[in-house]
């Protein structure tokens, strides 16, 4: 593996080792240079950009600087079947690359589908009721059976049940992906070791944490933004009012992604989270997997099964999406121009534009300019 890793990739791994899971610091340093290789050389020359870093980061930069260190790092990954990808690389998940702070390096074991037709994160309590367990397995199975990717966190409870349900969809090629709050070579909780291995066989486990990183409580909120970032939508099944699940849902909102919730019985502790989200308008209530799949029908239906894959009815789009298409009918417009013209919330605008891109209706041009994709799509009744 060392000989297949480019000089630029080696420098990226060096900086990632030093900054660990701090994606913002990783980006702040890398943006000062034309390339990661240039940053590596500048460190040797004691560039000023490095002078303001903490002693811990500087110590790790020095530790990983010798070529032999990165050689051992890569060899260790090879021995454990760990691979890595990064923004701009073909295997990097496209949805994840769209968030404001994507991991500069994503480690994984298994196989990643970088651009699934539809991806849904399923999250919830580590201590679900029997009802919650059944619902999580049912939604996981039905969503995966429909050809969508189920994203979970491998935690005990709802996460694990959703993954098990997805794996029961025997005909699904890549049914599930688990995002870990530790290194991809660490099984946590250990009780899910069998599930961990099954996920690797048919999907992947991924993490931005360095291989070998042990679990810390504060890693999970960091992990949660990756879970929501990998999905078109996040489904909440049973959670307390204040929990890690609400953090994941919050990230999904910030990323312009949809949030769904399964309503629960009034008064039940594990119903407080989803019921509260629904009451506050933070999540759409769903009663079956069809409620979710219907929201993304133009994404998850295989092209060969559509009556006409190149025709999209304007009436099949949401009101907000229709309004965007009418604005773009005669000319390209920037993100800011669309926001000014339609007065839509930024989160709603981001979500609509993302969905329209994935459905092939519009194109995203440099500078956040958008246009109708007339070469691929014919919008009837526009």
Foldseek 3Di string as FASTA:
>chain_A
DVVVQDLLRLLLVLLCQLCFLPLVVSCVQQVVDPTSNVSLVVVVVVDPVPVPDDPSSNVSSVVSNDPVNSVVLVVVCVVVQKDKDAPPDPQAAPLQNLFPRRQRMKIKFAGGDNYFLFEEEEDEDLDDDPVLLVQLLQLLQVCQLLQYEYEAALRHDSRLSSLVSQVVSPPRQQHYEHEYLFALSDDPPPVCVVVSVSNRHRHMYMYSGRHPGDHDPVSLLSRLLSRLSNGLEYEYGFYAQDDSVVSSLVSNLVSLHAYAYEADDPPDRRRNNRVVCVVVVSHHYDDHSCVVCLLQVLRSDDQVPDPHLQEDELVSDDPLLNLLQVVQVPHKDALVRSCVVPVDPSSNSSSSVVSCVSSQQWDQDPPRIIHGNVVRHDYPPD
